[in-house]
Amino acid sequence: MSRPRTTPSTALTATDDDVGGVETVLRRFPELAHLRVRRRAALLTIESGEPNDPLAHARLRRVAVKTWQLEIANHMGRWEPTPLCDSRDAIIETLVRDFGWTLIAHA
């Protein structure tokens, strides 16, 4: 008896609705108007700067259907995962409240 073929699940893919949700939370803070959100696979990246030379600030990684993990770019631009996992909006609110310094525009 052969095993059924499985296809990769798209349940953990970030969607346009996720992008809009993150942008909605960020827009509540006028000082964060310089930020935009880009999606790729299971990631939502919060960035600023020129589109052809973006500065990445933080990203959310979808780890379950309704659970996201926060990752923050270090001073070298490498991603550092945090132990923080929660709903998308709760993670963004935590990012702004507790790690807002990572979202500052750099000259």
PDB file of N, CA and C in Angstrom:
ATOM      1  N   MET A   1       0.832  -1.176   0.000  1.00  0.00           N
ATOM      2  CA  MET A   1       0.000   0.000   0.000  1.00  0.00           C
ATOM      3  C   MET A   1       0.884   1.249   0.000  1.00  0.00           C
ATOM      4  N   SER A   2       0.642   2.141  -0.916  1.00  0.00           N
ATOM      5  CA  SER A   2       1.460   3.344  -1.002  1.00  0.00           C
ATOM      6  C   SER A   2       0.888   4.460  -0.127  1.00  0.00           C
ATOM      7  N   ARG A   3       1.780   5.305   0.298  1.00  0.00           N
ATOM      8  CA  ARG A   3       1.369   6.443   1.121  1.00  0.00           C
ATOM      9  C   ARG A   3       0.802   7.530   0.222  1.00  0.00           C
ATOM     10  N   PRO A   4      -0.206   8.256   0.706  1.00  0.00           N
ATOM     11  CA  PRO A   4      -0.733   9.358  -0.106  1.00  0.00           C
ATOM     12  C   PRO A   4       0.298  10.479  -0.215  1.00  0.00           C
ATOM     13  N   ARG A   5       0.345  11.092  -1.367  1.00  0.00           N
ATOM     14  CA  ARG A   5       1.249  12.225  -1.554  1.00  0.00           C
ATOM     15  C   ARG A   5       0.700  13.419  -0.802  1.00  0.00           C
ATOM     16  N   THR A   6       1.586  14.121  -0.173  1.00  0.00           N
ATOM     17  CA  THR A   6       1.161  15.328   0.535  1.00  0.00           C
ATOM     18  C   THR A   6       1.682  16.541  -0.199  1.00  0.00           C
ATOM     19  N   THR A   7       0.938  17.599  -0.123  1.00  0.00           N
ATOM     20  CA  THR A   7       1.363  18.855  -0.716  1.00  0.00           C
ATOM     21  C   THR A   7       1.637  19.836   0.405  1.00  0.00           C
ATOM     22  N   PRO A   8       2.541  20.767   0.179  1.00  0.00           N
ATOM     23  CA  PRO A   8       2.835  21.745   1.226  1.00  0.00           C
ATOM     24  C   PRO A   8       1.575  22.511   1.606  1.00  0.00           C
ATOM     25  N   SER A   9       1.400  22.721   2.883  1.00  0.00           N
ATOM     26  CA  SER A   9       0.238  23.453   3.369  1.00  0.00           C
ATOM     27  C   SER A   9       0.441  24.945   3.158  1.00  0.00           C
ATOM     28  N   THR A  10      -0.601  25.607   2.746  1.00  0.00           N
ATOM     29  CA  THR A  10      -0.541  27.060   2.613  1.00  0.00           C
ATOM     30  C   THR A  10      -1.143  27.725   3.844  1.00  0.00           C
ATOM     31  N   ALA A  11      -1.490  26.950   4.854  1.00  0.00           N
ATOM     32  CA  ALA A  11      -2.109  27.511   6.048  1.00  0.00           C
ATOM     33  C   ALA A  11      -1.184  28.478   6.774  1.00  0.00           C
ATOM     34  N   LEU A  12       0.113  28.321   6.609  1.00  0.00           N
ATOM     35  CA  LEU A  12       1.043  29.192   7.320  1.00  0.00           C
ATOM     36  C   LEU A  12       1.584  30.322   6.457  1.00  0.00           C
ATOM     37  N   THR A  13       0.966  30.574   5.352  1.00  0.00           N
ATOM     38  CA  THR A  13       1.377  31.658   4.477  1.00  0.00           C
ATOM     39  C   THR A  13       0.753  32.968   4.937  1.00  0.00           C
ATOM     40  N   ALA A  14       1.548  34.025   4.963  1.00  0.00           N
ATOM     41  CA  ALA A  14       1.018  35.353   5.265  1.00  0.00           C
ATOM     42  C   ALA A  14       0.177  35.811   4.080  1.00  0.00           C
ATOM     43  N   THR A  15      -0.879  36.540   4.363  1.00  0.00           N
ATOM     44  CA  THR A  15      -1.812  36.978   3.320  1.00  0.00           C
ATOM     45  C   THR A  15      -1.824  38.501   3.200  1.00  0.00           C
ATOM     46  N   ASP A  16      -2.490  38.984   2.156  1.00  0.00           N
ATOM     47  CA  ASP A  16      -2.678  40.427   2.012  1.00  0.00           C
ATOM     48  C   ASP A  16      -3.480  40.983   3.191  1.00  0.00           C
ATOM     49  N   ASP A  17      -4.415  40.201   3.712  1.00  0.00           N
ATOM     50  CA  ASP A  17      -5.174  40.629   4.895  1.00  0.00           C
ATOM     51  C   ASP A  17      -4.249  40.799   6.096  1.00  0.00           C
ATOM     52  N   ASP A  18      -3.243  39.952   6.231  1.00  0.00           N
ATOM     53  CA  ASP A  18      -2.271  40.092   7.320  1.00  0.00           C
ATOM     54  C   ASP A  18      -1.468  41.381   7.158  1.00  0.00           C
ATOM     55  N   VAL A  19      -1.071  41.676   5.941  1.00  0.00           N
ATOM     56  CA  VAL A  19      -0.348  42.923   5.670  1.00  0.00           C
ATOM     57  C   VAL A  19      -1.216  44.109   6.087  1.00  0.00           C
ATOM     58  N   GLY A  20      -2.466  44.102   5.651  1.00  0.00           N
ATOM     59  CA  GLY A  20      -3.389  45.185   5.994  1.00  0.00           C
ATOM     60  C   GLY A  20      -3.619  45.302   7.485  1.00  0.00           C
ATOM     61  N   GLY A  21      -3.703  44.181   8.174  1.00  0.00           N
ATOM     62  CA  GLY A  21      -3.904  44.190   9.618  1.00  0.00           C
ATOM     63  C   GLY A  21      -2.737  44.815  10.355  1.00  0.00           C
ATOM     64  N   VAL A  22      -1.525  44.476   9.943  1.00  0.00           N
ATOM     65  CA  VAL A  22      -0.336  45.052  10.572  1.00  0.00           C
ATOM     66  C   VAL A  22      -0.271  46.552  10.277  1.00  0.00           C
ATOM     67  N   GLU A  23      -0.532  46.923   9.031  1.00  0.00           N
ATOM     68  CA  GLU A  23      -0.505  48.342   8.677  1.00  0.00           C
ATOM     69  C   GLU A  23      -1.553  49.132   9.451  1.00  0.00           C
ATOM     70  N   THR A  24      -2.712  48.549   9.686  1.00  0.00           N
ATOM     71  CA  THR A  24      -3.761  49.214  10.460  1.00  0.00           C
ATOM     72  C   THR A  24      -3.286  49.511  11.877  1.00  0.00           C
ATOM     73  N   VAL A  25      -2.639  48.546  12.514  1.00  0.00           N
ATOM     74  CA  VAL A  25      -2.128  48.771  13.874  1.00  0.00           C
ATOM     75  C   VAL A  25      -1.033  49.828  13.842  1.00  0.00           C
ATOM     76  N   LEU A  26      -0.106  49.746  12.897  1.00  0.00           N
ATOM     77  CA  LEU A  26       0.990  50.711  12.826  1.00  0.00           C
ATOM     78  C   LEU A  26       0.488  52.130  12.572  1.00  0.00           C
ATOM     79  N   ARG A  27      -0.576  52.292  11.799  1.00  0.00           N
ATOM     80  CA  ARG A  27      -1.107  53.626  11.459  1.00  0.00           C
ATOM     81  C   ARG A  27      -1.729  54.327  12.663  1.00  0.00           C
ATOM     82  N   ARG A  28      -1.944  53.608  13.741  1.00  0.00           N
ATOM     83  CA  ARG A  28      -2.444  54.259  14.960  1.00  0.00           C
ATOM     84  C   ARG A  28      -1.369  55.125  15.603  1.00  0.00           C
ATOM     85  N   PHE A  29      -0.145  55.004  15.121  1.00  0.00           N
ATOM     86  CA  PHE A  29       0.988  55.727  15.678  1.00  0.00           C
ATOM     87  C   PHE A  29       1.587  56.612  14.583  1.00  0.00           C
ATOM     88  N   PRO A  30       1.263  57.912  14.589  1.00  0.00           N
ATOM     89  CA  PRO A  30       1.740  58.795  13.509  1.00  0.00           C
ATOM     90  C   PRO A  30       3.256  58.786  13.331  1.00  0.00           C
ATOM     91  N   GLU A  31       4.000  58.566  14.409  1.00  0.00           N
ATOM     92  CA  GLU A  31       5.459  58.559  14.318  1.00  0.00           C
ATOM     93  C   GLU A  31       5.995  57.342  13.552  1.00  0.00           C
ATOM     94  N   LEU A  32       5.108  56.402  13.216  1.00  0.00           N
ATOM     95  CA  LEU A  32       5.516  55.210  12.472  1.00  0.00           C
ATOM     96  C   LEU A  32       5.039  55.244  11.017  1.00  0.00           C
ATOM     97  N   ALA A  33       4.670  56.428  10.551  1.00  0.00           N
ATOM     98  CA  ALA A  33       4.145  56.575   9.188  1.00  0.00           C
ATOM     99  C   ALA A  33       5.167  56.202   8.119  1.00  0.00           C
ATOM    100  N   HIS A  34       6.446  56.176   8.469  1.00  0.00           N
ATOM    101  CA  HIS A  34       7.506  55.848   7.507  1.00  0.00           C
ATOM    102  C   HIS A  34       7.611  54.340   7.235  1.00  0.00           C
ATOM    103  N   LEU A  35       6.886  53.538   7.999  1.00  0.00           N
ATOM    104  CA  LEU A  35       6.995  52.079   7.874  1.00  0.00           C
ATOM    105  C   LEU A  35       6.032  51.518   6.842  1.00  0.00           C
ATOM    106  N   ARG A  36       6.428  50.410   6.252  1.00  0.00           N
ATOM    107  CA  ARG A  36       5.559  49.649   5.349  1.00  0.00           C
ATOM    108  C   ARG A  36       5.761  48.170   5.659  1.00  0.00           C
ATOM    109  N   VAL A  37       4.846  47.351   5.156  1.00  0.00           N
ATOM    110  CA  VAL A  37       4.886  45.915   5.433  1.00  0.00           C
ATOM    111  C   VAL A  37       4.971  45.165   4.113  1.00  0.00           C
ATOM    112  N   ARG A  38       5.870  44.202   4.071  1.00  0.00           N
ATOM    113  CA  ARG A  38       6.044  43.352   2.890  1.00  0.00           C
ATOM    114  C   ARG A  38       5.848  41.902   3.325  1.00  0.00           C
ATOM    115  N   ARG A  39       5.230  41.114   2.483  1.00  0.00           N
ATOM    116  CA  ARG A  39       5.019  39.707   2.835  1.00  0.00           C
ATOM    117  C   ARG A  39       5.773  38.801   1.885  1.00  0.00           C
ATOM    118  N   ARG A  40       6.195  37.672   2.432  1.00  0.00           N
ATOM    119  CA  ARG A  40       6.844  36.620   1.637  1.00  0.00           C
ATOM    120  C   ARG A  40       6.663  35.319   2.401  1.00  0.00           C
ATOM    121  N   ALA A  41       5.982  34.395   1.794  1.00  0.00           N
ATOM    122  CA  ALA A  41       5.709  33.082   2.406  1.00  0.00           C
ATOM    123  C   ALA A  41       5.039  33.293   3.760  1.00  0.00           C
ATOM    124  N   ALA A  42       5.665  32.827   4.831  1.00  0.00           N
ATOM    125  CA  ALA A  42       5.072  32.934   6.173  1.00  0.00           C
ATOM    126  C   ALA A  42       5.565  34.161   6.931  1.00  0.00           C
ATOM    127  N   LEU A  43       6.181  35.108   6.235  1.00  0.00           N
ATOM    128  CA  LEU A  43       6.794  36.267   6.898  1.00  0.00           C
ATOM    129  C   LEU A  43       6.116  37.573   6.531  1.00  0.00           C
ATOM    130  N   LEU A  44       6.020  38.458   7.523  1.00  0.00           N
ATOM    131  CA  LEU A  44       5.626  39.847   7.314  1.00  0.00           C
ATOM    132  C   LEU A  44       6.790  40.697   7.801  1.00  0.00           C
ATOM    133  N   THR A  45       7.415  41.427   6.903  1.00  0.00           N
ATOM    134  CA  THR A  45       8.581  42.230   7.246  1.00  0.00           C
ATOM    135  C   THR A  45       8.181  43.698   7.318  1.00  0.00           C
ATOM    136  N   ILE A  46       8.549  44.336   8.413  1.00  0.00           N
ATOM    137  CA  ILE A  46       8.293  45.764   8.602  1.00  0.00           C
ATOM    138  C   ILE A  46       9.585  46.480   8.237  1.00  0.00           C
ATOM    139  N   GLU A  47       9.479  47.377   7.239  1.00  0.00           N
ATOM    140  CA  GLU A  47      10.667  48.032   6.723  1.00  0.00           C
ATOM    141  C   GLU A  47      10.388  49.496   6.418  1.00  0.00           C
ATOM    142  N   SER A  48      11.463  50.224   6.175  1.00  0.00           N
ATOM    143  CA  SER A  48      11.365  51.622   5.779  1.00  0.00           C
ATOM    144  C   SER A  48      12.458  51.889   4.757  1.00  0.00           C
ATOM    145  N   GLY A  49      12.553  53.139   4.336  1.00  0.00           N
ATOM    146  CA  GLY A  49      13.586  53.503   3.368  1.00  0.00           C
ATOM    147  C   GLY A  49      13.117  53.335   1.944  1.00  0.00           C
ATOM    148  N   GLU A  50      14.062  53.405   1.052  1.00  0.00           N
ATOM    149  CA  GLU A  50      13.763  53.275  -0.371  1.00  0.00           C
ATOM    150  C   GLU A  50      13.363  51.837  -0.702  1.00  0.00           C
ATOM    151  N   PRO A  51      12.360  51.652  -1.550  1.00  0.00           N
ATOM    152  CA  PRO A  51      11.934  50.288  -1.904  1.00  0.00           C
ATOM    153  C   PRO A  51      13.053  49.425  -2.492  1.00  0.00           C
ATOM    154  N   ASN A  52      13.993  50.047  -3.216  1.00  0.00           N
ATOM    155  CA  ASN A  52      15.085  49.265  -3.803  1.00  0.00           C
ATOM    156  C   ASN A  52      16.261  49.078  -2.838  1.00  0.00           C
ATOM    157  N   ASP A  53      16.206  49.705  -1.660  1.00  0.00           N
ATOM    158  CA  ASP A  53      17.247  49.566  -0.640  1.00  0.00           C
ATOM    159  C   ASP A  53      16.596  49.679   0.747  1.00  0.00           C
ATOM    160  N   PRO A  54      15.713  48.728   1.084  1.00  0.00           N
ATOM    161  CA  PRO A  54      14.938  48.845   2.326  1.00  0.00           C
ATOM    162  C   PRO A  54      15.779  48.588   3.575  1.00  0.00           C
ATOM    163  N   LEU A  55      15.335  49.206   4.657  1.00  0.00           N
ATOM    164  CA  LEU A  55      15.906  48.958   5.977  1.00  0.00           C
ATOM    165  C   LEU A  55      14.893  48.124   6.748  1.00  0.00           C
ATOM    166  N   ALA A  56      15.240  46.886   7.041  1.00  0.00           N
ATOM    167  CA  ALA A  56      14.340  45.986   7.769  1.00  0.00           C
ATOM    168  C   ALA A  56      14.431  46.282   9.258  1.00  0.00           C
ATOM    169  N   HIS A  57      13.288  46.385   9.910  1.00  0.00           N
ATOM    170  CA  HIS A  57      13.234  46.692  11.341  1.00  0.00           C
ATOM    171  C   HIS A  57      12.838  45.466  12.166  1.00  0.00           C
ATOM    172  N   ALA A  58      11.781  44.809  11.748  1.00  0.00           N
ATOM    173  CA  ALA A  58      11.261  43.657  12.495  1.00  0.00           C
ATOM    174  C   ALA A  58      10.449  42.807  11.526  1.00  0.00           C
ATOM    175  N   ARG A  59      10.186  41.586  11.954  1.00  0.00           N
ATOM    176  CA  ARG A  59       9.311  40.757  11.133  1.00  0.00           C
ATOM    177  C   ARG A  59       8.537  39.799  12.019  1.00  0.00           C
ATOM    178  N   LEU A  60       7.406  39.377  11.480  1.00  0.00           N
ATOM    179  CA  LEU A  60       6.565  38.393  12.134  1.00  0.00           C
ATOM    180  C   LEU A  60       6.624  37.123  11.304  1.00  0.00           C
ATOM    181  N   ARG A  61       6.820  36.010  11.975  1.00  0.00           N
ATOM    182  CA  ARG A  61       6.851  34.712  11.314  1.00  0.00           C
ATOM    183  C   ARG A  61       5.615  33.939  11.775  1.00  0.00           C
ATOM    184  N   ARG A  62       4.792  33.532  10.826  1.00  0.00           N
ATOM    185  CA  ARG A  62       3.613  32.734  11.165  1.00  0.00           C
ATOM    186  C   ARG A  62       4.081  31.338  11.549  1.00  0.00           C
ATOM    187  N   VAL A  63       3.786  30.929  12.788  1.00  0.00           N
ATOM    188  CA  VAL A  63       4.201  29.619  13.269  1.00  0.00           C
ATOM    189  C   VAL A  63       3.020  28.674  13.453  1.00  0.00           C
ATOM    190  N   ALA A  64       1.815  29.215  13.435  1.00  0.00           N
ATOM    191  CA  ALA A  64       0.570  28.438  13.473  1.00  0.00           C
ATOM    192  C   ALA A  64      -0.498  29.318  12.830  1.00  0.00           C
ATOM    193  N   VAL A  65      -1.656  28.776  12.629  1.00  0.00           N
ATOM    194  CA  VAL A  65      -2.697  29.515  11.912  1.00  0.00           C
ATOM    195  C   VAL A  65      -2.943  30.896  12.517  1.00  0.00           C
ATOM    196  N   LYS A  66      -3.000  30.988  13.830  1.00  0.00           N
ATOM    197  CA  LYS A  66      -3.267  32.281  14.484  1.00  0.00           C
ATOM    198  C   LYS A  66      -2.145  32.715  15.421  1.00  0.00           C
ATOM    199  N   THR A  67      -0.948  32.160  15.241  1.00  0.00           N
ATOM    200  CA  THR A  67       0.176  32.484  16.123  1.00  0.00           C
ATOM    201  C   THR A  67       1.373  32.947  15.295  1.00  0.00           C
ATOM    202  N   TRP A  68       1.959  34.041  15.758  1.00  0.00           N
ATOM    203  CA  TRP A  68       3.100  34.645  15.088  1.00  0.00           C
ATOM    204  C   TRP A  68       4.239  34.799  16.083  1.00  0.00           C
ATOM    205  N   GLN A  69       5.479  34.694  15.597  1.00  0.00           N
ATOM    206  CA  GLN A  69       6.662  34.929  16.419  1.00  0.00           C
ATOM    207  C   GLN A  69       7.322  36.216  15.949  1.00  0.00           C
ATOM    208  N   LEU A  70       7.754  37.031  16.909  1.00  0.00           N
ATOM    209  CA  LEU A  70       8.442  38.279  16.604  1.00  0.00           C
ATOM    210  C   LEU A  70       9.935  38.026  16.427  1.00  0.00           C
ATOM    211  N   GLU A  71      10.488  38.591  15.357  1.00  0.00           N
ATOM    212  CA  GLU A  71      11.923  38.574  15.109  1.00  0.00           C
ATOM    213  C   GLU A  71      12.350  40.018  14.874  1.00  0.00           C
ATOM    214  N   ILE A  72      13.515  40.388  15.410  1.00  0.00           N
ATOM    215  CA  ILE A  72      13.997  41.763  15.293  1.00  0.00           C
ATOM    216  C   ILE A  72      15.371  41.741  14.639  1.00  0.00           C
ATOM    217  N   ALA A  73      15.598  42.681  13.724  1.00  0.00           N
ATOM    218  CA  ALA A  73      16.898  42.783  13.064  1.00  0.00           C
ATOM    219  C   ALA A  73      17.909  43.376  14.041  1.00  0.00           C
ATOM    220  N   ASN A  74      19.084  42.744  14.133  1.00  0.00           N
ATOM    221  CA  ASN A  74      20.133  43.288  15.006  1.00  0.00           C
ATOM    222  C   ASN A  74      20.896  44.386  14.262  1.00  0.00           C
ATOM    223  N   HIS A  75      21.922  44.931  14.890  1.00  0.00           N
ATOM    224  CA  HIS A  75      22.678  46.035  14.303  1.00  0.00           C
ATOM    225  C   HIS A  75      23.410  45.653  13.012  1.00  0.00           C
ATOM    226  N   MET A  76      23.555  44.366  12.772  1.00  0.00           N
ATOM    227  CA  MET A  76      24.196  43.883  11.541  1.00  0.00           C
ATOM    228  C   MET A  76      23.166  43.529  10.464  1.00  0.00           C
ATOM    229  N   GLY A  77      21.872  43.698  10.800  1.00  0.00           N
ATOM    230  CA  GLY A  77      20.823  43.371   9.845  1.00  0.00           C
ATOM    231  C   GLY A  77      20.432  41.904   9.844  1.00  0.00           C
ATOM    232  N   ARG A  78      20.944  41.137  10.789  1.00  0.00           N
ATOM    233  CA  ARG A  78      20.594  39.717  10.891  1.00  0.00           C
ATOM    234  C   ARG A  78      19.388  39.577  11.797  1.00  0.00           C
ATOM    235  N   TRP A  79      18.561  38.590  11.493  1.00  0.00           N
ATOM    236  CA  TRP A  79      17.332  38.378  12.254  1.00  0.00           C
ATOM    237  C   TRP A  79      17.600  37.623  13.541  1.00  0.00           C
ATOM    238  N   GLU A  80      17.068  38.167  14.633  1.00  0.00           N
ATOM    239  CA  GLU A  80      17.162  37.552  15.947  1.00  0.00           C
ATOM    240  C   GLU A  80      15.752  37.181  16.388  1.00  0.00           C
ATOM    241  N   PRO A  81      15.454  35.901  16.524  1.00  0.00           N
ATOM    242  CA  PRO A  81      14.117  35.525  17.004  1.00  0.00           C
ATOM    243  C   PRO A  81      13.963  35.905  18.474  1.00  0.00           C
ATOM    244  N   THR A  82      12.774  36.296  18.848  1.00  0.00           N
ATOM    245  CA  THR A  82      12.466  36.547  20.254  1.00  0.00           C
ATOM    246  C   THR A  82      11.625  35.371  20.740  1.00  0.00           C
ATOM    247  N   PRO A  83      11.459  35.225  22.036  1.00  0.00           N
ATOM    248  CA  PRO A  83      10.586  34.158  22.544  1.00  0.00           C
ATOM    249  C   PRO A  83       9.103  34.547  22.485  1.00  0.00           C
ATOM    250  N   LEU A  84       8.804  35.723  21.936  1.00  0.00           N
ATOM    251  CA  LEU A  84       7.436  36.225  21.938  1.00  0.00           C
ATOM    252  C   LEU A  84       6.610  35.628  20.810  1.00  0.00           C
ATOM    253  N   CYS A  85       5.546  34.951  21.176  1.00  0.00           N
ATOM    254  CA  CYS A  85       4.584  34.398  20.233  1.00  0.00           C
ATOM    255  C   CYS A  85       3.184  34.780  20.700  1.00  0.00           C
ATOM    256  N   ASP A  86       2.359  35.246  19.771  1.00  0.00           N
ATOM    257  CA  ASP A  86       0.998  35.660  20.115  1.00  0.00           C
ATOM    258  C   ASP A  86       0.236  35.883  18.815  1.00  0.00           C
ATOM    259  N   SER A  87      -0.965  36.430  18.941  1.00  0.00           N
ATOM    260  CA  SER A  87      -1.734  36.777  17.744  1.00  0.00           C
ATOM    261  C   SER A  87      -1.008  37.896  16.997  1.00  0.00           C
ATOM    262  N   ARG A  88      -1.323  38.050  15.756  1.00  0.00           N
ATOM    263  CA  ARG A  88      -0.659  39.059  14.917  1.00  0.00           C
ATOM    264  C   ARG A  88      -0.756  40.455  15.528  1.00  0.00           C
ATOM    265  N   ASP A  89      -1.961  40.890  15.872  1.00  0.00           N
ATOM    266  CA  ASP A  89      -2.141  42.240  16.392  1.00  0.00           C
ATOM    267  C   ASP A  89      -1.480  42.410  17.754  1.00  0.00           C
ATOM    268  N   ALA A  90      -1.534  41.392  18.605  1.00  0.00           N
ATOM    269  CA  ALA A  90      -0.902  41.476  19.922  1.00  0.00           C
ATOM    270  C   ALA A  90       0.613  41.586  19.788  1.00  0.00           C
ATOM    271  N   ILE A  91       1.186  40.864  18.840  1.00  0.00           N
ATOM    272  CA  ILE A  91       2.639  40.940  18.630  1.00  0.00           C
ATOM    273  C   ILE A  91       3.030  42.332  18.140  1.00  0.00           C
ATOM    274  N   ILE A  92       2.267  42.919  17.235  1.00  0.00           N
ATOM    275  CA  ILE A  92       2.571  44.268  16.743  1.00  0.00           C
ATOM    276  C   ILE A  92       2.463  45.280  17.875  1.00  0.00           C
ATOM    277  N   GLU A  93       1.434  45.165  18.699  1.00  0.00           N
ATOM    278  CA  GLU A  93       1.290  46.083  19.830  1.00  0.00           C
ATOM    279  C   GLU A  93       2.458  45.934  20.810  1.00  0.00           C
ATOM    280  N   THR A  94       2.910  44.711  21.054  1.00  0.00           N
ATOM    281  CA  THR A  94       4.080  44.485  21.912  1.00  0.00           C
ATOM    282  C   THR A  94       5.327  45.089  21.279  1.00  0.00           C
ATOM    283  N   LEU A  95       5.490  44.904  19.977  1.00  0.00           N
ATOM    284  CA  LEU A  95       6.632  45.478  19.269  1.00  0.00           C
ATOM    285  C   LEU A  95       6.670  46.988  19.457  1.00  0.00           C
ATOM    286  N   VAL A  96       5.554  47.656  19.224  1.00  0.00           N
ATOM    287  CA  VAL A  96       5.509  49.113  19.337  1.00  0.00           C
ATOM    288  C   VAL A  96       5.732  49.552  20.782  1.00  0.00           C
ATOM    289  N   ARG A  97       5.088  48.883  21.721  1.00  0.00           N
ATOM    290  CA  ARG A  97       5.163  49.277  23.129  1.00  0.00           C
ATOM    291  C   ARG A  97       6.539  48.997  23.748  1.00  0.00           C
ATOM    292  N   ASP A  98       7.073  47.789  23.528  1.00  0.00           N
ATOM    293  CA  ASP A  98       8.283  47.360  24.231  1.00  0.00           C
ATOM    294  C   ASP A  98       9.572  47.463  23.410  1.00  0.00           C
ATOM    295  N   PHE A  99       9.443  47.520  22.106  1.00  0.00           N
ATOM    296  CA  PHE A  99      10.630  47.557  21.243  1.00  0.00           C
ATOM    297  C   PHE A  99      10.520  48.660  20.194  1.00  0.00           C
ATOM    298  N   GLY A 100       9.797  49.720  20.543  1.00  0.00           N
ATOM    299  CA  GLY A 100       9.565  50.820  19.605  1.00  0.00           C
ATOM    300  C   GLY A 100      10.834  51.436  19.055  1.00  0.00           C
ATOM    301  N   TRP A 101      11.905  51.386  19.825  1.00  0.00           N
ATOM    302  CA  TRP A 101      13.185  51.938  19.374  1.00  0.00           C
ATOM    303  C   TRP A 101      13.690  51.242  18.115  1.00  0.00           C
ATOM    304  N   THR A 102      13.254  50.012  17.862  1.00  0.00           N
ATOM    305  CA  THR A 102      13.702  49.302  16.647  1.00  0.00           C
ATOM    306  C   THR A 102      12.995  49.811  15.399  1.00  0.00           C
ATOM    307  N   LEU A 103      11.933  50.592  15.585  1.00  0.00           N
ATOM    308  CA  LEU A 103      11.132  51.073  14.456  1.00  0.00           C
ATOM    309  C   LEU A 103      11.451  52.505  14.050  1.00  0.00           C
ATOM    310  N   ILE A 104      12.426  53.101  14.707  1.00  0.00           N
ATOM    311  CA  ILE A 104      12.798  54.492  14.442  1.00  0.00           C
ATOM    312  C   ILE A 104      13.440  54.608  13.062  1.00  0.00           C
ATOM    313  N   ALA A 105      13.074  55.668  12.364  1.00  0.00           N
ATOM    314  CA  ALA A 105      13.681  55.920  11.053  1.00  0.00           C
ATOM    315  C   ALA A 105      15.139  56.328  11.259  1.00  0.00           C
ATOM    316  N   HIS A 106      16.024  55.777  10.466  1.00  0.00           N
ATOM    317  CA  HIS A 106      17.447  56.106  10.542  1.00  0.00           C
ATOM    318  C   HIS A 106      17.823  56.984   9.370  1.00  0.00           C
ATOM    319  N   ALA A 107      18.574  58.004   9.655  1.00  0.00           N
ATOM    320  CA  ALA A 107      18.980  58.932   8.598  1.00  0.00           C
ATOM    321  C   ALA A 107      20.120  58.388   7.783  1.00  0.00           C
TER     322      ALA A 107
END
